[in-house]
Amino acid sequence: MAERAHYTSAKFNDDINEFERCGLETEYLSGFPAPFVKKSPIKIGMRYLESLKIEKNQTVLVIGELETLSISGLIIDDRGYINLQKGNICGIGGLNQYYTLKKKYEYPYARPEKTPEFKR
């Protein structure tokens, strides 16, 4: 699914549905206007607020507001934590590099009085 989802970022003409073209089934949630990938266990809908041009490196910072969030119960563990590995979620680096996510460690909530002494 990652490969199909990747290609939805291509600059298709307005008359082409990128989900159909890339073989992804759509789902609409909570009256949100844009479609989501139906098989995705995490769906995040943002509303555009503004864009700020960053002169230093000629990039644009896009600012949005969370409008809808859907997380499948199948990836939530018995403590209420999201288990990305269980959901077969992939991560992205840059624009076109995808990685598998595997839980490696879990640490307690960090508190100053419970921070171990680390040697340099």
C-alpha atoms as a PDB file:
ATOM      1  CA  MET A   1       0.000   0.000   0.000  1.00  0.00           C
ATOM      2  CA  ALA A   2       2.939   2.378   0.657  1.00  0.00           C
ATOM      3  CA  GLU A   3       3.949   2.347  -3.011  1.00  0.00           C
ATOM      4  CA  ARG A   4       0.394   3.093  -4.183  1.00  0.00           C
ATOM      5  CA  ALA A   5       0.004   5.835  -1.568  1.00  0.00           C
ATOM      6  CA  HIS A   6       3.349   7.367  -2.567  1.00  0.00           C
ATOM      7  CA  TYR A   7       2.208   7.925  -6.136  1.00  0.00           C
ATOM      8  CA  THR A   8      -0.895   9.872  -5.043  1.00  0.00           C
ATOM      9  CA  SER A   9       1.494  12.791  -4.470  1.00  0.00           C
ATOM     10  CA  ALA A  10       2.064  13.120  -8.232  1.00  0.00           C
ATOM     11  CA  LYS A  11       0.660  16.295  -9.802  1.00  0.00           C
ATOM     12  CA  PHE A  12      -2.362  14.745 -11.538  1.00  0.00           C
ATOM     13  CA  ASN A  13      -4.721  16.836 -13.663  1.00  0.00           C
ATOM     14  CA  ASP A  14      -7.867  17.947 -11.832  1.00  0.00           C
ATOM     15  CA  ASP A  15      -9.998  15.467 -13.799  1.00  0.00           C
ATOM     16  CA  ILE A  16      -7.998  12.453 -12.531  1.00  0.00           C
ATOM     17  CA  ASN A  17      -8.816  10.871  -9.167  1.00  0.00           C
ATOM     18  CA  GLU A  18      -5.412   9.944  -7.708  1.00  0.00           C
ATOM     19  CA  PHE A  19      -6.917   7.354  -5.360  1.00  0.00           C
ATOM     20  CA  GLU A  20      -8.574   5.517  -8.259  1.00  0.00           C
ATOM     21  CA  ARG A  21      -5.466   5.852 -10.427  1.00  0.00           C
ATOM     22  CA  CYS A  22      -3.275   4.365  -7.669  1.00  0.00           C
ATOM     23  CA  GLY A  23      -5.722   1.620  -6.663  1.00  0.00           C
ATOM     24  CA  LEU A  24      -6.663   2.913  -3.202  1.00  0.00           C
ATOM     25  CA  GLU A  25     -10.160   2.608  -1.751  1.00  0.00           C
ATOM     26  CA  THR A  26     -11.480   5.849  -0.251  1.00  0.00           C
ATOM     27  CA  GLU A  27     -13.403   6.559   2.923  1.00  0.00           C
ATOM     28  CA  TYR A  28     -14.985   9.819   4.106  1.00  0.00           C
ATOM     29  CA  LEU A  29     -15.176  10.689   7.819  1.00  0.00           C
ATOM     30  CA  SER A  30     -17.091  13.184   9.956  1.00  0.00           C
ATOM     31  CA  GLY A  31     -18.104  15.394   7.053  1.00  0.00           C
ATOM     32  CA  PHE A  32     -14.430  16.084   6.299  1.00  0.00           C
ATOM     33  CA  PRO A  33     -14.225  17.104   2.611  1.00  0.00           C
ATOM     34  CA  ALA A  34     -11.106  15.151   1.597  1.00  0.00           C
ATOM     35  CA  PRO A  35     -11.022  11.362   1.322  1.00  0.00           C
ATOM     36  CA  PHE A  36      -8.915   9.046   3.472  1.00  0.00           C
ATOM     37  CA  VAL A  37      -7.340   5.708   2.523  1.00  0.00           C
ATOM     38  CA  LYS A  38      -9.899   3.201   3.809  1.00  0.00           C
ATOM     39  CA  LYS A  39      -7.339   0.527   4.838  1.00  0.00           C
ATOM     40  CA  SER A  40      -5.179   2.981   6.793  1.00  0.00           C
ATOM     41  CA  PRO A  41      -5.482   2.384  10.559  1.00  0.00           C
ATOM     42  CA  ILE A  42      -4.692   6.057  11.295  1.00  0.00           C
ATOM     43  CA  LYS A  43      -6.489   8.884   9.521  1.00  0.00           C
ATOM     44  CA  ILE A  44      -5.652  12.525  10.219  1.00  0.00           C
ATOM     45  CA  GLY A  45      -7.671  15.387   8.733  1.00  0.00           C
ATOM     46  CA  MET A  46      -6.143  18.849   8.868  1.00  0.00           C
ATOM     47  CA  ARG A  47      -7.672  22.206   7.932  1.00  0.00           C
ATOM     48  CA  TYR A  48      -5.340  24.665   6.227  1.00  0.00           C
ATOM     49  CA  LEU A  49      -4.753  27.866   8.209  1.00  0.00           C
ATOM     50  CA  GLU A  50      -1.853  29.663   6.558  1.00  0.00           C
ATOM     51  CA  SER A  51       1.511  29.357   4.829  1.00  0.00           C
ATOM     52  CA  LEU A  52       4.647  31.212   5.862  1.00  0.00           C
ATOM     53  CA  LYS A  53       7.582  31.629   3.508  1.00  0.00           C
ATOM     54  CA  ILE A  54      10.919  31.037   5.225  1.00  0.00           C
ATOM     55  CA  GLU A  55      13.430  33.283   3.485  1.00  0.00           C
ATOM     56  CA  LYS A  56      16.487  31.627   5.050  1.00  0.00           C
ATOM     57  CA  ASN A  57      16.110  28.413   3.036  1.00  0.00           C
ATOM     58  CA  GLN A  58      13.343  29.308   0.556  1.00  0.00           C
ATOM     59  CA  THR A  59      10.830  26.839   1.996  1.00  0.00           C
ATOM     60  CA  VAL A  60       7.215  27.214   3.038  1.00  0.00           C
ATOM     61  CA  LEU A  61       5.887  26.301   6.467  1.00  0.00           C
ATOM     62  CA  VAL A  62       2.264  25.177   6.163  1.00  0.00           C
ATOM     63  CA  ILE A  63       0.198  25.619   9.317  1.00  0.00           C
ATOM     64  CA  GLY A  64      -2.931  23.586   9.835  1.00  0.00           C
ATOM     65  CA  GLU A  65      -5.389  22.668  12.527  1.00  0.00           C
ATOM     66  CA  LEU A  66      -6.442  19.142  13.442  1.00  0.00           C
ATOM     67  CA  GLU A  67     -10.053  18.704  12.428  1.00  0.00           C
ATOM     68  CA  THR A  68     -10.595  14.948  12.573  1.00  0.00           C
ATOM     69  CA  LEU A  69      -8.636  11.949  13.836  1.00  0.00           C
ATOM     70  CA  SER A  70      -9.474   8.261  13.511  1.00  0.00           C
ATOM     71  CA  ILE A  71      -7.384   5.471  15.044  1.00  0.00           C
ATOM     72  CA  SER A  72      -8.405   1.843  14.575  1.00  0.00           C
ATOM     73  CA  GLY A  73      -9.024  -0.013  17.816  1.00  0.00           C
ATOM     74  CA  LEU A  74      -6.997  -2.872  16.338  1.00  0.00           C
ATOM     75  CA  ILE A  75      -3.758  -0.949  16.949  1.00  0.00           C
ATOM     76  CA  ILE A  76      -4.534   0.271  20.472  1.00  0.00           C
ATOM     77  CA  ASP A  77      -3.084  -1.922  23.224  1.00  0.00           C
ATOM     78  CA  ASP A  78      -4.712  -2.753  26.576  1.00  0.00           C
ATOM     79  CA  ARG A  79      -3.169   0.390  28.162  1.00  0.00           C
ATOM     80  CA  GLY A  80      -4.571   2.662  25.456  1.00  0.00           C
ATOM     81  CA  TYR A  81      -1.225   3.142  23.677  1.00  0.00           C
ATOM     82  CA  ILE A  82      -1.018   3.176  19.892  1.00  0.00           C
ATOM     83  CA  ASN A  83       1.028   0.232  18.609  1.00  0.00           C
ATOM     84  CA  LEU A  84       2.367   1.338  15.204  1.00  0.00           C
ATOM     85  CA  GLN A  85       4.114  -1.994  14.648  1.00  0.00           C
ATOM     86  CA  LYS A  86       0.851  -3.904  15.077  1.00  0.00           C
ATOM     87  CA  GLY A  87      -0.786  -1.672  12.477  1.00  0.00           C
ATOM     88  CA  ASN A  88       1.937  -2.426   9.925  1.00  0.00           C
ATOM     89  CA  ILE A  89       2.519   1.329   9.707  1.00  0.00           C
ATOM     90  CA  CYS A  90       5.449   2.651   7.715  1.00  0.00           C
ATOM     91  CA  GLY A  91       7.442   5.796   8.350  1.00  0.00           C
ATOM     92  CA  ILE A  92       8.775   8.232   5.790  1.00  0.00           C
ATOM     93  CA  GLY A  93      12.118   9.988   5.515  1.00  0.00           C
ATOM     94  CA  GLY A  94      12.162  12.966   3.194  1.00  0.00           C
ATOM     95  CA  LEU A  95       9.897  12.731   0.168  1.00  0.00           C
ATOM     96  CA  ASN A  96      10.357   9.188  -1.066  1.00  0.00           C
ATOM     97  CA  GLN A  97      12.046   6.870   1.446  1.00  0.00           C
ATOM     98  CA  TYR A  98       9.845   4.553   3.491  1.00  0.00           C
ATOM     99  CA  TYR A  99      10.747   2.514   6.563  1.00  0.00           C
ATOM    100  CA  THR A 100       9.138  -0.219   8.613  1.00  0.00           C
ATOM    101  CA  LEU A 101       8.420   0.711  12.203  1.00  0.00           C
ATOM    102  CA  LYS A 102       9.353  -1.738  14.913  1.00  0.00           C
ATOM    103  CA  LYS A 103       9.025  -1.045  18.616  1.00  0.00           C
ATOM    104  CA  LYS A 104      12.462  -1.245  20.138  1.00  0.00           C
ATOM    105  CA  TYR A 105      12.222   0.218  23.656  1.00  0.00           C
ATOM    106  CA  GLU A 106       9.737   1.542  26.153  1.00  0.00           C
ATOM    107  CA  TYR A 107      10.808   3.791  29.002  1.00  0.00           C
ATOM    108  CA  PRO A 108       8.820   5.260  31.908  1.00  0.00           C
ATOM    109  CA  TYR A 109       7.595   8.840  31.774  1.00  0.00           C
ATOM    110  CA  ALA A 110      10.704  10.997  32.270  1.00  0.00           C
ATOM    111  CA  ARG A 111      10.866  12.885  35.569  1.00  0.00           C
ATOM    112  CA  PRO A 112      13.890  14.886  36.797  1.00  0.00           C
ATOM    113  CA  GLU A 113      14.011  13.044  40.126  1.00  0.00           C
ATOM    114  CA  LYS A 114      13.993   9.645  38.389  1.00  0.00           C
ATOM    115  CA  THR A 115      16.557  10.378  35.681  1.00  0.00           C
ATOM    116  CA  PRO A 116      19.468   7.911  35.813  1.00  0.00           C
ATOM    117  CA  GLU A 117      23.054   9.169  35.935  1.00  0.00           C
ATOM    118  CA  PHE A 118      24.578   8.772  32.480  1.00  0.00           C
ATOM    119  CA  LYS A 119      28.344   8.628  31.972  1.00  0.00           C
ATOM    120  CA  ARG A 120      29.990  10.431  29.057  1.00  0.00           C
END
